[in-house]
Amino acid sequence: MSAIVEPISPSKALIMDTMMDENNQQENMKMQDDESLREEQLLESDYSTSDEVEAENELEPEVQEPKLYIICPERPELVLCEPFFSTPKECLFTLKEASRYKLKFSFTVSNNVVCGLKYINTTWKTGVRVDKSQVMLGTFEPRKEPYVYELEEDVTPSGVFARGLYTTRTQVIDEKERCYVDITYYFDIQRQWPESP
């Protein structure tokens, strides 16, 4: 069996070349589209990963398990931790006038770094503010072990006008004014230490 080959006219050959060129261009465009799609998918996966990392970095820091210690050389250490109940009739503790004491503060940090943490302690006697101290604690990274910060030693006031009931408000806030601790409690200053129960 023999095949019959027809000669192709130059115009027909030109049309076939043009059709082949169009097919090649379509294949090239399809390959470029596929490559663009792959790049877009890679970028999207990169963005979603970076979004997850950013979301993790945007978690609000938390100061947890705050404890306030009152340390007097002549007495056992007193620990104040939330929640507690304090009223003018039920003072949390009594201090002896003219006695040395210092405050110690412990806490843990979770979720994110807490920046510019400061301790503010304001004390009133019969409605008149008698003391306000503010101490910059610093910047703290999240960790399970508690941070401990000791303030400088101080001496309780003495004399007839110094004795009596005091109200104290203790706050711990960061540089963005987020408040982590806000407690109010009552204590007493007397001539002598109270008798141990």
N, C-alpha and C. Protein backbone atom coordinates (compact mmCIF):
# COMPACT_ATOMS: atom_id res chain seq x y z
N MET A 1 0.83 -1.17 0.00
CA MET A 1 0.00 0.00 0.00
C MET A 1 0.88 1.24 0.00
N SER A 2 0.60 2.13 -0.83
CA SER A 2 1.43 3.32 -0.92
C SER A 2 0.64 4.54 -0.43
N ALA A 3 1.33 5.44 0.23
CA ALA A 3 0.69 6.65 0.73
C ALA A 3 0.80 7.75 -0.29
N ILE A 4 -0.20 8.51 -0.38
CA ILE A 4 -0.21 9.61 -1.33
C ILE A 4 0.10 10.88 -0.57
N VAL A 5 1.11 11.56 -0.99
CA VAL A 5 1.50 12.82 -0.34
C VAL A 5 1.15 13.96 -1.26
N GLU A 6 0.36 14.86 -0.70
CA GLU A 6 -0.02 16.02 -1.50
C GLU A 6 0.98 17.14 -1.24
N PRO A 7 1.38 17.84 -2.23
CA PRO A 7 2.27 18.97 -2.00
C PRO A 7 1.50 20.10 -1.27
N ILE A 8 2.21 20.81 -0.39
CA ILE A 8 1.59 21.90 0.37
C ILE A 8 1.94 23.22 -0.27
N SER A 9 0.93 24.00 -0.43
CA SER A 9 1.17 25.31 -1.03
C SER A 9 1.83 26.22 0.00
N PRO A 10 2.58 27.23 -0.43
CA PRO A 10 3.25 28.13 0.51
C PRO A 10 2.28 28.82 1.45
N SER A 11 1.10 29.18 1.01
CA SER A 11 0.14 29.85 1.88
C SER A 11 -0.38 28.89 2.94
N LYS A 12 -0.59 27.60 2.56
CA LYS A 12 -1.05 26.60 3.51
C LYS A 12 0.05 26.33 4.54
N ALA A 13 1.30 26.29 4.08
CA ALA A 13 2.43 26.07 4.99
C ALA A 13 2.53 27.21 5.99
N LEU A 14 2.30 28.43 5.56
CA LEU A 14 2.35 29.59 6.45
C LEU A 14 1.26 29.50 7.50
N ILE A 15 0.06 29.07 7.11
CA ILE A 15 -1.06 28.92 8.05
C ILE A 15 -0.70 27.86 9.08
N MET A 16 -0.11 26.74 8.64
CA MET A 16 0.26 25.66 9.58
C MET A 16 1.34 26.14 10.55
N ASP A 17 2.32 26.89 10.05
CA ASP A 17 3.36 27.43 10.93
C ASP A 17 2.76 28.35 11.98
N THR A 18 1.84 29.19 11.52
CA THR A 18 1.18 30.13 12.44
C THR A 18 0.39 29.36 13.50
N MET A 19 -0.30 28.30 13.10
CA MET A 19 -1.07 27.50 14.07
C MET A 19 -0.13 26.83 15.07
N MET A 20 1.02 26.34 14.60
CA MET A 20 1.98 25.70 15.50
C MET A 20 2.56 26.73 16.47
N ASP A 21 2.85 27.93 15.96
CA ASP A 21 3.36 29.00 16.84
C ASP A 21 2.34 29.35 17.92
N GLU A 22 1.06 29.42 17.51
CA GLU A 22 0.00 29.74 18.49
C GLU A 22 -0.10 28.65 19.54
N ASN A 23 0.00 27.38 19.13
CA ASN A 23 -0.03 26.27 20.09
C ASN A 23 1.14 26.35 21.05
N ASN A 24 2.34 26.65 20.53
CA ASN A 24 3.52 26.79 21.38
C ASN A 24 3.36 27.95 22.37
N GLN A 25 2.81 29.06 21.89
CA GLN A 25 2.58 30.21 22.76
C GLN A 25 1.58 29.87 23.86
N GLN A 26 0.53 29.14 23.51
CA GLN A 26 -0.47 28.75 24.51
C GLN A 26 0.16 27.83 25.55
N GLU A 27 0.99 26.89 25.10
CA GLU A 27 1.66 25.99 26.05
C GLU A 27 2.60 26.77 26.96
N ASN A 28 3.35 27.71 26.37
CA ASN A 28 4.26 28.55 27.18
C ASN A 28 3.48 29.36 28.20
N MET A 29 2.35 29.94 27.79
CA MET A 29 1.53 30.73 28.70
C MET A 29 0.97 29.86 29.82
N LYS A 30 0.57 28.64 29.46
CA LYS A 30 0.03 27.71 30.47
C LYS A 30 1.12 27.36 31.48
N MET A 31 2.34 27.12 30.99
CA MET A 31 3.46 26.80 31.90
C MET A 31 3.76 27.99 32.80
N GLN A 32 3.73 29.20 32.22
CA GLN A 32 3.98 30.40 33.04
C GLN A 32 2.88 30.58 34.07
N ASP A 33 1.63 30.33 33.69
CA ASP A 33 0.51 30.42 34.63
C ASP A 33 0.68 29.43 35.76
N ASP A 34 1.08 28.18 35.41
CA ASP A 34 1.30 27.15 36.44
C ASP A 34 2.40 27.58 37.40
N GLU A 35 3.49 28.15 36.84
CA GLU A 35 4.60 28.59 37.68
C GLU A 35 4.17 29.76 38.57
N SER A 36 3.39 30.69 37.99
CA SER A 36 2.89 31.82 38.78
C SER A 36 2.00 31.34 39.91
N LEU A 37 1.17 30.34 39.62
CA LEU A 37 0.28 29.78 40.63
C LEU A 37 1.09 29.15 41.76
N ARG A 38 2.14 28.40 41.39
CA ARG A 38 3.00 27.78 42.41
C ARG A 38 3.66 28.83 43.28
N GLU A 39 4.18 29.90 42.66
CA GLU A 39 4.82 30.98 43.42
C GLU A 39 3.81 31.64 44.35
N GLU A 40 2.61 31.85 43.84
CA GLU A 40 1.56 32.48 44.66
C GLU A 40 1.23 31.60 45.87
N GLN A 41 1.13 30.29 45.63
CA GLN A 41 0.84 29.37 46.73
C GLN A 41 1.96 29.38 47.76
N LEU A 42 3.21 29.42 47.28
CA LEU A 42 4.35 29.49 48.21
C LEU A 42 4.31 30.77 49.03
N LEU A 43 4.03 31.89 48.36
CA LEU A 43 3.93 33.16 49.07
C LEU A 43 2.82 33.13 50.11
N GLU A 44 1.67 32.57 49.73
CA GLU A 44 0.54 32.49 50.67
C GLU A 44 0.91 31.65 51.87
N SER A 45 1.61 30.54 51.66
CA SER A 45 2.00 29.70 52.80
C SER A 45 3.01 30.44 53.67
N ASP A 46 3.92 31.22 53.04
CA ASP A 46 4.87 32.02 53.82
C ASP A 46 4.14 33.06 54.64
N TYR A 47 3.14 33.75 54.01
CA TYR A 47 2.37 34.76 54.73
C TYR A 47 1.60 34.15 55.89
N SER A 48 1.00 33.00 55.67
CA SER A 48 0.21 32.39 56.76
C SER A 48 1.13 31.99 57.90
N THR A 49 2.34 31.50 57.58
CA THR A 49 3.30 31.16 58.63
C THR A 49 3.73 32.40 59.39
N SER A 50 4.04 33.48 58.65
CA SER A 50 4.46 34.72 59.32
C SER A 50 3.30 35.32 60.10
N ASP A 51 2.06 35.18 59.60
CA ASP A 51 0.89 35.65 60.36
C ASP A 51 0.76 34.91 61.67
N GLU A 52 1.00 33.57 61.63
CA GLU A 52 0.93 32.78 62.85
C GLU A 52 2.00 33.25 63.84
N VAL A 53 3.21 33.51 63.34
CA VAL A 53 4.29 33.98 64.21
C VAL A 53 3.93 35.35 64.78
N GLU A 54 3.40 36.26 63.91
CA GLU A 54 3.00 37.58 64.40
C GLU A 54 1.90 37.48 65.43
N ALA A 55 0.92 36.60 65.19
CA ALA A 55 -0.18 36.42 66.15
C ALA A 55 0.37 35.94 67.48
N GLU A 56 1.38 35.06 67.41
CA GLU A 56 2.00 34.57 68.64
C GLU A 56 2.70 35.72 69.36
N ASN A 57 3.39 36.60 68.59
CA ASN A 57 4.09 37.72 69.19
C ASN A 57 3.14 38.79 69.70
N GLU A 58 1.90 38.80 69.22
CA GLU A 58 0.94 39.81 69.65
C GLU A 58 0.16 39.40 70.89
N LEU A 59 0.43 38.21 71.44
CA LEU A 59 -0.24 37.80 72.67
C LEU A 59 0.09 38.79 73.78
N GLU A 60 -0.92 39.12 74.55
CA GLU A 60 -0.72 40.03 75.67
C GLU A 60 0.12 39.34 76.75
N PRO A 61 1.11 40.03 77.30
CA PRO A 61 1.86 39.42 78.39
C PRO A 61 0.98 39.30 79.63
N GLU A 62 1.29 38.33 80.47
CA GLU A 62 0.54 38.15 81.71
C GLU A 62 1.52 38.05 82.87
N VAL A 63 1.22 38.81 83.93
CA VAL A 63 1.96 38.68 85.18
C VAL A 63 1.07 37.88 86.10
N GLN A 64 1.56 36.71 86.51
CA GLN A 64 0.73 35.79 87.28
C GLN A 64 1.36 35.47 88.62
N GLU A 65 0.54 34.90 89.49
CA GLU A 65 0.96 34.46 90.82
C GLU A 65 1.71 35.55 91.59
N PRO A 66 1.16 36.77 91.62
CA PRO A 66 1.87 37.81 92.38
C PRO A 66 1.77 37.55 93.88
N LYS A 67 2.89 37.74 94.56
CA LYS A 67 2.92 37.61 96.02
C LYS A 67 3.72 38.77 96.59
N LEU A 68 3.21 39.32 97.66
CA LEU A 68 3.90 40.42 98.35
C LEU A 68 4.32 39.89 99.72
N TYR A 69 5.59 40.05 100.03
CA TYR A 69 6.13 39.58 101.31
C TYR A 69 6.51 40.79 102.15
N ILE A 70 6.14 40.77 103.43
CA ILE A 70 6.59 41.79 104.37
C ILE A 70 7.60 41.09 105.28
N ILE A 71 8.83 41.58 105.24
CA ILE A 71 9.92 40.92 105.97
C ILE A 71 10.40 41.84 107.09
N CYS A 72 10.26 41.37 108.31
CA CYS A 72 10.75 42.09 109.49
C CYS A 72 11.76 41.18 110.20
N PRO A 73 12.93 41.71 110.58
CA PRO A 73 13.94 40.85 111.20
C PRO A 73 13.46 40.13 112.46
N GLU A 74 12.57 40.76 113.22
CA GLU A 74 12.14 40.17 114.50
C GLU A 74 10.91 39.27 114.38
N ARG A 75 10.36 39.16 113.19
CA ARG A 75 9.09 38.43 113.04
C ARG A 75 9.16 37.43 111.89
N PRO A 76 8.24 36.45 111.87
CA PRO A 76 8.18 35.55 110.71
C PRO A 76 7.74 36.32 109.45
N GLU A 77 8.19 35.86 108.31
CA GLU A 77 7.84 36.50 107.04
C GLU A 77 6.34 36.41 106.81
N LEU A 78 5.75 37.52 106.39
CA LEU A 78 4.32 37.57 106.13
C LEU A 78 4.11 37.59 104.62
N VAL A 79 3.23 36.70 104.12
CA VAL A 79 3.01 36.60 102.67
C VAL A 79 1.57 37.02 102.35
N LEU A 80 1.44 37.97 101.43
CA LEU A 80 0.12 38.38 100.95
C LEU A 80 -0.01 37.90 99.51
N CYS A 81 -1.00 37.08 99.25
CA CYS A 81 -1.26 36.66 97.87
C CYS A 81 -2.76 36.66 97.64
N GLU A 82 -3.13 37.03 96.41
CA GLU A 82 -4.56 37.10 96.10
C GLU A 82 -5.14 35.71 95.99
N PRO A 83 -6.40 35.52 96.25
CA PRO A 83 -7.32 36.51 96.83
C PRO A 83 -7.19 36.52 98.36
N PHE A 84 -7.44 37.66 98.96
CA PHE A 84 -7.49 37.76 100.40
C PHE A 84 -8.56 38.77 100.77
N PHE A 85 -8.96 38.75 102.03
CA PHE A 85 -10.03 39.62 102.48
C PHE A 85 -9.47 40.54 103.55
N SER A 86 -9.63 41.84 103.34
CA SER A 86 -9.12 42.80 104.31
C SER A 86 -10.12 43.93 104.45
N THR A 87 -10.46 44.25 105.70
CA THR A 87 -11.35 45.38 105.99
C THR A 87 -10.71 46.18 107.12
N PRO A 88 -11.21 47.39 107.38
CA PRO A 88 -10.65 48.16 108.50
C PRO A 88 -10.76 47.41 109.83
N LYS A 89 -11.79 46.56 109.96
CA LYS A 89 -11.94 45.80 111.22
C LYS A 89 -11.11 44.53 111.23
N GLU A 90 -10.70 44.10 110.04
CA GLU A 90 -9.89 42.88 109.95
C GLU A 90 -8.59 43.20 109.22
N CYS A 91 -7.64 43.77 109.95
CA CYS A 91 -6.34 44.11 109.37
C CYS A 91 -5.60 42.83 108.99
N LEU A 92 -4.82 42.93 107.96
CA LEU A 92 -4.04 41.76 107.55
C LEU A 92 -2.85 41.50 108.46
N PHE A 93 -2.28 42.58 108.99
CA PHE A 93 -1.12 42.41 109.87
C PHE A 93 -0.91 43.67 110.70
N THR A 94 -0.08 43.52 111.73
CA THR A 94 0.30 44.64 112.59
C THR A 94 1.81 44.74 112.62
N LEU A 95 2.30 45.97 112.50
CA LEU A 95 3.73 46.24 112.61
C LEU A 95 4.00 47.05 113.86
N LYS A 96 5.18 46.84 114.43
CA LYS A 96 5.59 47.61 115.60
C LYS A 96 6.18 48.94 115.12
N GLU A 97 5.87 50.03 115.83
CA GLU A 97 6.43 51.32 115.45
C GLU A 97 7.96 51.29 115.53
N ALA A 98 8.61 52.06 114.69
CA ALA A 98 10.07 52.19 114.64
C ALA A 98 10.78 50.85 114.37
N SER A 99 10.09 49.95 113.68
CA SER A 99 10.73 48.66 113.36
C SER A 99 11.18 48.63 111.90
N ARG A 100 12.27 47.91 111.67
CA ARG A 100 12.78 47.79 110.31
C ARG A 100 11.96 46.74 109.55
N TYR A 101 11.73 47.01 108.26
CA TYR A 101 11.01 46.06 107.42
C TYR A 101 11.41 46.28 105.97
N LYS A 102 11.15 45.30 105.15
CA LYS A 102 11.29 45.50 103.70
C LYS A 102 10.25 44.67 102.98
N LEU A 103 9.93 45.11 101.78
CA LEU A 103 8.94 44.43 100.96
C LEU A 103 9.66 43.63 99.87
N LYS A 104 9.11 42.47 99.60
CA LYS A 104 9.63 41.63 98.53
C LYS A 104 8.45 41.25 97.66
N PHE A 105 8.66 41.25 96.37
CA PHE A 105 7.59 40.99 95.43
C PHE A 105 8.02 39.86 94.51
N SER A 106 7.14 38.85 94.31
CA SER A 106 7.47 37.76 93.38
C SER A 106 6.30 37.55 92.41
N PHE A 107 6.64 37.10 91.19
CA PHE A 107 5.62 36.90 90.16
C PHE A 107 6.22 36.08 89.03
N THR A 108 5.34 35.54 88.18
CA THR A 108 5.79 34.86 86.96
C THR A 108 5.24 35.63 85.76
N VAL A 109 5.91 35.45 84.62
CA VAL A 109 5.48 36.11 83.38
C VAL A 109 5.20 35.04 82.34
N SER A 110 4.08 35.18 81.62
CA SER A 110 3.75 34.23 80.56
C SER A 110 3.29 34.96 79.31
N ASN A 111 3.21 34.23 78.20
CA ASN A 111 2.73 34.70 76.89
C ASN A 111 3.71 35.56 76.11
N ASN A 112 4.24 36.59 76.72
CA ASN A 112 5.09 37.52 75.98
C ASN A 112 5.93 38.32 76.95
N VAL A 113 6.88 39.08 76.42
CA VAL A 113 7.74 39.93 77.26
C VAL A 113 6.90 41.07 77.83
N VAL A 114 7.09 41.35 79.11
CA VAL A 114 6.42 42.50 79.73
C VAL A 114 7.50 43.57 79.92
N CYS A 115 7.23 44.77 79.38
CA CYS A 115 8.22 45.85 79.37
C CYS A 115 7.85 46.94 80.36
N GLY A 116 8.88 47.51 80.99
CA GLY A 116 8.68 48.66 81.86
C GLY A 116 7.75 48.38 83.02
N LEU A 117 7.91 47.22 83.65
CA LEU A 117 7.05 46.86 84.78
C LEU A 117 7.43 47.71 85.99
N LYS A 118 6.42 48.32 86.62
CA LYS A 118 6.70 49.11 87.81
C LYS A 118 5.73 48.79 88.93
N TYR A 119 6.23 48.98 90.15
CA TYR A 119 5.50 48.70 91.38
C TYR A 119 5.15 50.05 91.99
N ILE A 120 3.85 50.26 92.28
CA ILE A 120 3.41 51.52 92.89
C ILE A 120 2.71 51.18 94.20
N ASN A 121 3.15 51.79 95.28
CA ASN A 121 2.58 51.54 96.60
C ASN A 121 2.15 52.88 97.20
N THR A 122 0.86 53.02 97.50
CA THR A 122 0.33 54.26 98.07
C THR A 122 -0.32 53.93 99.41
N THR A 123 0.02 54.72 100.44
CA THR A 123 -0.48 54.46 101.80
C THR A 123 -1.20 55.70 102.34
N TRP A 124 -2.35 55.45 102.97
CA TRP A 124 -3.15 56.52 103.59
C TRP A 124 -3.36 56.21 105.07
N LYS A 125 -3.48 57.28 105.84
CA LYS A 125 -3.89 57.15 107.25
C LYS A 125 -5.01 58.16 107.46
N THR A 126 -6.13 57.67 107.92
CA THR A 126 -7.35 58.47 108.11
C THR A 126 -7.68 59.32 106.88
N GLY A 127 -7.56 58.71 105.69
CA GLY A 127 -7.93 59.37 104.46
C GLY A 127 -6.89 60.31 103.87
N VAL A 128 -5.77 60.51 104.56
CA VAL A 128 -4.72 61.41 104.08
C VAL A 128 -3.55 60.57 103.56
N ARG A 129 -3.12 60.87 102.34
CA ARG A 129 -1.99 60.11 101.80
C ARG A 129 -0.72 60.47 102.56
N VAL A 130 -0.06 59.43 103.10
CA VAL A 130 1.15 59.66 103.88
C VAL A 130 2.40 59.16 103.16
N ASP A 131 2.21 58.34 102.13
CA ASP A 131 3.37 57.83 101.40
C ASP A 131 2.95 57.34 100.02
N LYS A 132 3.83 57.59 99.04
CA LYS A 132 3.64 57.01 97.71
C LYS A 132 5.02 56.70 97.16
N SER A 133 5.23 55.43 96.87
CA SER A 133 6.52 55.05 96.30
C SER A 133 6.30 54.32 94.99
N GLN A 134 7.22 54.55 94.08
CA GLN A 134 7.14 53.93 92.76
C GLN A 134 8.52 53.38 92.43
N VAL A 135 8.58 52.10 92.10
CA VAL A 135 9.86 51.46 91.81
C VAL A 135 9.79 50.80 90.44
N MET A 136 10.75 51.11 89.58
CA MET A 136 10.84 50.46 88.27
C MET A 136 11.45 49.08 88.46
N LEU A 137 10.68 48.05 88.12
CA LEU A 137 11.16 46.67 88.28
C LEU A 137 11.97 46.24 87.07
N GLY A 138 11.54 46.66 85.86
CA GLY A 138 12.29 46.33 84.65
C GLY A 138 11.47 45.62 83.60
N THR A 139 12.17 44.92 82.70
CA THR A 139 11.55 44.17 81.62
C THR A 139 11.81 42.69 81.86
N PHE A 140 10.77 41.87 81.67
CA PHE A 140 10.87 40.45 82.03
C PHE A 140 10.34 39.57 80.91
N GLU A 141 11.08 38.50 80.63
CA GLU A 141 10.68 37.52 79.61
C GLU A 141 9.81 36.44 80.25
N PRO A 142 9.00 35.76 79.45
CA PRO A 142 8.19 34.67 80.00
C PRO A 142 9.07 33.55 80.53
N ARG A 143 8.72 33.02 81.69
CA ARG A 143 9.40 31.85 82.25
C ARG A 143 8.55 31.28 83.37
N LYS A 144 8.78 30.00 83.67
CA LYS A 144 7.97 29.33 84.70
C LYS A 144 8.43 29.68 86.10
N GLU A 145 9.76 29.86 86.28
CA GLU A 145 10.28 30.19 87.61
C GLU A 145 9.90 31.63 87.95
N PRO A 146 9.52 31.88 89.20
CA PRO A 146 9.12 33.25 89.56
C PRO A 146 10.30 34.21 89.61
N TYR A 147 10.03 35.43 89.23
CA TYR A 147 10.98 36.52 89.43
C TYR A 147 10.78 37.03 90.85
N VAL A 148 11.87 37.44 91.51
CA VAL A 148 11.78 37.97 92.88
C VAL A 148 12.49 39.31 92.91
N TYR A 149 11.82 40.30 93.47
CA TYR A 149 12.40 41.64 93.56
C TYR A 149 12.25 42.13 94.99
N GLU A 150 13.36 42.53 95.61
CA GLU A 150 13.33 43.05 96.98
C GLU A 150 13.52 44.55 96.96
N LEU A 151 12.67 45.25 97.70
CA LEU A 151 12.81 46.69 97.81
C LEU A 151 13.76 47.01 98.96
N GLU A 152 14.19 48.25 99.03
CA GLU A 152 15.12 48.65 100.08
C GLU A 152 14.44 48.61 101.45
N GLU A 153 15.26 48.38 102.46
CA GLU A 153 14.73 48.34 103.84
C GLU A 153 14.25 49.73 104.24
N ASP A 154 13.19 49.74 105.05
CA ASP A 154 12.60 50.98 105.53
C ASP A 154 12.29 50.82 107.02
N VAL A 155 11.86 51.89 107.66
CA VAL A 155 11.51 51.86 109.10
C VAL A 155 10.10 52.40 109.25
N THR A 156 9.29 51.71 110.04
CA THR A 156 7.92 52.19 110.27
C THR A 156 7.97 53.47 111.09
N PRO A 157 7.01 54.38 110.88
CA PRO A 157 7.00 55.62 111.67
C PRO A 157 6.73 55.32 113.14
N SER A 158 7.06 56.27 113.99
CA SER A 158 6.83 56.07 115.43
C SER A 158 6.19 57.31 116.04
N GLY A 159 5.66 57.14 117.23
CA GLY A 159 5.02 58.24 117.94
C GLY A 159 3.51 58.06 117.95
N VAL A 160 2.87 58.85 118.80
CA VAL A 160 1.44 58.71 119.01
C VAL A 160 0.65 58.95 117.71
N PHE A 161 1.09 59.87 116.87
CA PHE A 161 0.36 60.15 115.64
C PHE A 161 0.61 59.09 114.55
N ALA A 162 1.67 58.35 114.71
CA ALA A 162 1.98 57.32 113.71
C ALA A 162 1.20 56.04 113.96
N ARG A 163 0.81 55.81 115.20
CA ARG A 163 0.08 54.58 115.51
C ARG A 163 -1.33 54.64 114.96
N GLY A 164 -1.85 53.45 114.59
CA GLY A 164 -3.22 53.38 114.12
C GLY A 164 -3.35 52.61 112.82
N LEU A 165 -4.50 52.79 112.20
CA LEU A 165 -4.87 52.03 111.02
C LEU A 165 -4.39 52.71 109.74
N TYR A 166 -3.85 51.92 108.82
CA TYR A 166 -3.38 52.40 107.52
C TYR A 166 -4.06 51.61 106.40
N THR A 167 -4.25 52.28 105.29
CA THR A 167 -4.77 51.62 104.08
C THR A 167 -3.69 51.70 103.02
N THR A 168 -3.43 50.60 102.35
CA THR A 168 -2.42 50.59 101.29
C THR A 168 -3.00 50.02 100.01
N ARG A 169 -2.65 50.67 98.91
CA ARG A 169 -3.02 50.16 97.59
C ARG A 169 -1.71 49.85 96.85
N THR A 170 -1.59 48.61 96.41
CA THR A 170 -0.41 48.17 95.67
C THR A 170 -0.82 47.85 94.24
N GLN A 171 -0.09 48.43 93.30
CA GLN A 171 -0.35 48.19 91.88
C GLN A 171 0.93 47.79 91.18
N VAL A 172 0.79 46.93 90.18
CA VAL A 172 1.90 46.58 89.30
C VAL A 172 1.41 46.81 87.89
N ILE A 173 2.04 47.75 87.18
CA ILE A 173 1.62 48.10 85.83
C ILE A 173 2.84 48.13 84.90
N ASP A 174 2.58 48.04 83.60
CA ASP A 174 3.69 48.09 82.64
C ASP A 174 3.69 49.44 81.91
N GLU A 175 4.62 49.58 80.96
CA GLU A 175 4.77 50.88 80.28
C GLU A 175 3.56 51.25 79.43
N LYS A 176 2.72 50.26 79.09
CA LYS A 176 1.50 50.55 78.33
C LYS A 176 0.30 50.75 79.24
N GLU A 177 0.57 50.90 80.54
CA GLU A 177 -0.45 51.13 81.56
C GLU A 177 -1.38 49.94 81.75
N ARG A 178 -0.95 48.74 81.36
CA ARG A 178 -1.74 47.53 81.66
C ARG A 178 -1.49 47.18 83.12
N CYS A 179 -2.57 46.99 83.86
CA CYS A 179 -2.46 46.72 85.29
C CYS A 179 -2.57 45.21 85.54
N TYR A 180 -1.58 44.65 86.23
CA TYR A 180 -1.55 43.21 86.50
C TYR A 180 -1.92 42.90 87.95
N VAL A 181 -1.63 43.83 88.84
CA VAL A 181 -1.97 43.66 90.26
C VAL A 181 -2.56 44.97 90.74
N ASP A 182 -3.68 44.89 91.44
CA ASP A 182 -4.30 46.07 92.04
C ASP A 182 -5.00 45.60 93.30
N ILE A 183 -4.30 45.68 94.42
CA ILE A 183 -4.86 45.19 95.68
C ILE A 183 -4.86 46.31 96.73
N THR A 184 -5.87 46.29 97.56
CA THR A 184 -5.97 47.23 98.67
C THR A 184 -6.09 46.42 99.96
N TYR A 185 -5.31 46.80 100.95
CA TYR A 185 -5.36 46.08 102.22
C TYR A 185 -5.13 47.06 103.38
N TYR A 186 -5.46 46.59 104.57
CA TYR A 186 -5.35 47.40 105.78
C TYR A 186 -4.32 46.76 106.71
N PHE A 187 -3.55 47.63 107.37
CA PHE A 187 -2.63 47.14 108.41
C PHE A 187 -2.58 48.17 109.53
N ASP A 188 -1.97 47.76 110.61
CA ASP A 188 -1.95 48.54 111.84
C ASP A 188 -0.50 48.78 112.27
N ILE A 189 -0.24 49.95 112.84
CA ILE A 189 1.06 50.18 113.50
C ILE A 189 0.75 50.42 114.97
N GLN A 190 1.38 49.62 115.83
CA GLN A 190 1.16 49.71 117.28
C GLN A 190 2.47 49.89 118.02
N ARG A 191 2.36 50.15 119.33
CA ARG A 191 3.55 50.36 120.16
C ARG A 191 4.38 49.11 120.26
N GLN A 192 3.71 47.94 120.32
CA GLN A 192 4.41 46.66 120.46
C GLN A 192 3.94 45.68 119.37
N TRP A 193 4.74 44.65 119.18
CA TRP A 193 4.30 43.57 118.28
C TRP A 193 3.09 42.87 118.90
N PRO A 194 2.16 42.40 118.11
CA PRO A 194 1.04 41.64 118.70
C PRO A 194 1.57 40.31 119.25
N GLU A 195 0.87 39.83 120.25
CA GLU A 195 1.28 38.54 120.81
C GLU A 195 0.96 37.43 119.81
N SER A 196 1.87 36.46 119.71
CA SER A 196 1.65 35.33 118.80
C SER A 196 0.51 34.49 119.31
N PRO A 197 -0.38 34.01 118.41
CA PRO A 197 -1.53 33.21 118.86
C PRO A 197 -1.10 31.86 119.38
